[in-house]
C-alpha atoms as a PDB file:
ATOM      1  CA  MET A   1      22.926 -10.728  43.270  1.00  0.00           C
ATOM      2  CA  ASN A   2      22.747  -8.875  46.549  1.00  0.00           C
ATOM      3  CA  THR A   3      22.305  -5.281  45.369  1.00  0.00           C
ATOM      4  CA  GLN A   4      21.714  -3.990  48.884  1.00  0.00           C
ATOM      5  CA  LEU A   5      25.105  -5.318  49.987  1.00  0.00           C
ATOM      6  CA  VAL A   6      26.802  -3.778  46.948  1.00  0.00           C
ATOM      7  CA  ASP A   7      25.127  -0.417  47.635  1.00  0.00           C
ATOM      8  CA  THR A   8      26.251  -0.540  51.275  1.00  0.00           C
ATOM      9  CA  LEU A   9      29.820  -1.387  50.272  1.00  0.00           C
ATOM     10  CA  ALA A  10      29.839   1.477  47.777  1.00  0.00           C
ATOM     11  CA  GLN A  11      28.720   3.897  50.508  1.00  0.00           C
ATOM     12  CA  ILE A  12      31.393   2.612  52.869  1.00  0.00           C
ATOM     13  CA  PHE A  13      34.033   2.924  50.149  1.00  0.00           C
ATOM     14  CA  GLN A  14      33.029   6.533  49.487  1.00  0.00           C
ATOM     15  CA  SER A  15      33.542   7.364  53.166  1.00  0.00           C
ATOM     16  CA  LEU A  16      37.119   6.044  53.235  1.00  0.00           C
ATOM     17  CA  THR A  17      40.142   8.317  53.279  1.00  0.00           C
ATOM     18  CA  PRO A  18      42.406   8.272  50.215  1.00  0.00           C
ATOM     19  CA  GLU A  19      44.928   6.142  52.137  1.00  0.00           C
ATOM     20  CA  GLU A  20      42.208   3.650  53.124  1.00  0.00           C
ATOM     21  CA  LYS A  21      40.968   3.504  49.525  1.00  0.00           C
ATOM     22  CA  THR A  22      44.513   2.739  48.368  1.00  0.00           C
ATOM     23  CA  LEU A  23      44.846  -0.018  50.963  1.00  0.00           C
ATOM     24  CA  PHE A  24      41.437  -1.417  50.019  1.00  0.00           C
ATOM     25  CA  ASN A  25      42.364  -1.468  46.312  1.00  0.00           C
ATOM     26  CA  GLN A  26      45.625  -3.255  47.128  1.00  0.00           C
ATOM     27  CA  LYS A  27      43.742  -5.900  49.121  1.00  0.00           C
ATOM     28  CA  VAL A  28      41.237  -6.465  46.323  1.00  0.00           C
ATOM     29  CA  LYS A  29      44.042  -6.708  43.774  1.00  0.00           C
ATOM     30  CA  SER A  30      45.957  -9.245  45.886  1.00  0.00           C
ATOM     31  CA  LEU A  31      42.820 -11.370  46.279  1.00  0.00           C
ATOM     32  CA  HIS A  32      42.336 -11.342  42.525  1.00  0.00           C
ATOM     33  CA  GLN A  33      45.967 -12.291  41.848  1.00  0.00           C
ATOM     34  CA  THR A  34      45.943 -15.237  44.241  1.00  0.00           C
ATOM     35  CA  SER A  35      42.740 -16.611  42.731  1.00  0.00           C
ATOM     36  CA  GLU A  36      44.168 -16.731  39.202  1.00  0.00           C
ATOM     37  CA  ARG A  37      45.457 -20.148  38.233  1.00  0.00           C
ATOM     38  CA  PRO A  38      48.748 -20.446  36.348  1.00  0.00           C
ATOM     39  CA  PHE A  39      48.889 -21.029  32.610  1.00  0.00           C
ATOM     40  CA  TYR A  40      50.022 -24.641  32.915  1.00  0.00           C
ATOM     41  CA  GLU A  41      46.884 -25.502  34.910  1.00  0.00           C
ATOM     42  CA  THR A  42      44.370 -23.855  32.606  1.00  0.00           C
ATOM     43  CA  ALA A  43      45.804 -23.939  29.078  1.00  0.00           C
ATOM     44  CA  THR A  44      44.253 -26.062  26.386  1.00  0.00           C
ATOM     45  CA  THR A  45      46.355 -28.144  24.013  1.00  0.00           C
ATOM     46  CA  SER A  46      46.103 -25.506  21.291  1.00  0.00           C
ATOM     47  CA  GLU A  47      47.124 -22.766  23.755  1.00  0.00           C
ATOM     48  CA  TRP A  48      50.200 -24.835  24.726  1.00  0.00           C
ATOM     49  CA  ILE A  49      51.096 -25.297  21.055  1.00  0.00           C
ATOM     50  CA  THR A  50      50.706 -21.579  20.350  1.00  0.00           C
ATOM     51  CA  ALA A  51      52.765 -20.608  23.409  1.00  0.00           C
ATOM     52  CA  PHE A  52      55.515 -23.079  22.484  1.00  0.00           C
ATOM     53  CA  ARG A  53      55.689 -21.836  18.904  1.00  0.00           C
ATOM     54  CA  GLU A  54      55.832 -18.214  20.079  1.00  0.00           C
ATOM     55  CA  TRP A  55      58.637 -19.151  22.486  1.00  0.00           C
ATOM     56  CA  ALA A  56      60.549 -20.974  19.745  1.00  0.00           C
ATOM     57  CA  GLU A  57      60.133 -18.085  17.313  1.00  0.00           C
ATOM     58  CA  SER A  58      61.480 -15.655  19.918  1.00  0.00           C
ATOM     59  CA  HIS A  59      64.965 -17.196  19.593  1.00  0.00           C
ATOM     60  CA  HIS A  60      67.611 -16.328  17.025  1.00  0.00           C
ATOM     61  CA  HIS A  61      67.470 -18.427  13.875  1.00  0.00           C
ATOM     62  CA  ASN A  62      70.805 -17.372  12.431  1.00  0.00           C
ATOM     63  CA  GLY A  63      73.103 -19.039  14.953  1.00  0.00           C
ATOM     64  CA  PRO A  64      75.905 -21.370  13.903  1.00  0.00           C
ATOM     65  CA  ILE A  65      75.036 -24.955  13.074  1.00  0.00           C
ATOM     66  CA  LEU A  66      76.910 -27.436  15.253  1.00  0.00           C
ATOM     67  CA  SER A  67      78.873 -30.215  13.618  1.00  0.00           C
ATOM     68  CA  ASP A  68      78.187 -33.884  14.300  1.00  0.00           C
ATOM     69  CA  GLU A  69      81.400 -33.977  16.323  1.00  0.00           C
ATOM     70  CA  ALA A  70      80.304 -31.041  18.484  1.00  0.00           C
ATOM     71  CA  ILE A  71      77.113 -32.836  19.481  1.00  0.00           C
ATOM     72  CA  SER A  72      78.538 -36.332  19.740  1.00  0.00           C
ATOM     73  CA  ARG A  73      78.223 -38.218  23.000  1.00  0.00           C
ATOM     74  CA  GLU A  74      82.000 -38.304  23.402  1.00  0.00           C
ATOM     75  CA  SER A  75      82.394 -34.539  23.100  1.00  0.00           C
ATOM     76  CA  ILE A  76      79.534 -33.908  25.514  1.00  0.00           C
ATOM     77  CA  TYR A  77      80.456 -36.450  28.188  1.00  0.00           C
ATOM     78  CA  GLY A  78      84.157 -36.947  27.526  1.00  0.00           C
ATOM     79  CA  GLU A  79      85.607 -39.754  29.624  1.00  0.00           C
ATOM     80  CA  ARG A  80      82.354 -40.136  31.563  1.00  0.00           C
ATOM     81  CA  GLY A  81      80.426 -41.115  28.405  1.00  0.00           C
END
């Protein structure tokens, strides 16, 4: 670790105006956000399973049950089926 560099950066940061500090913080935050990889690239199998189950549980479970006719190929596709 380069402690001298960190000390120098801390001194520079302290000398900034409030507006410059705000801009600096925004830049650091944007760098951090772009370096984070999305869930689908980093999740393990168990994390995917947990996320899917949470998603499924977030839906209503008391909706009407569709009849066989309502989900038949003919009723879905009509004349195209």
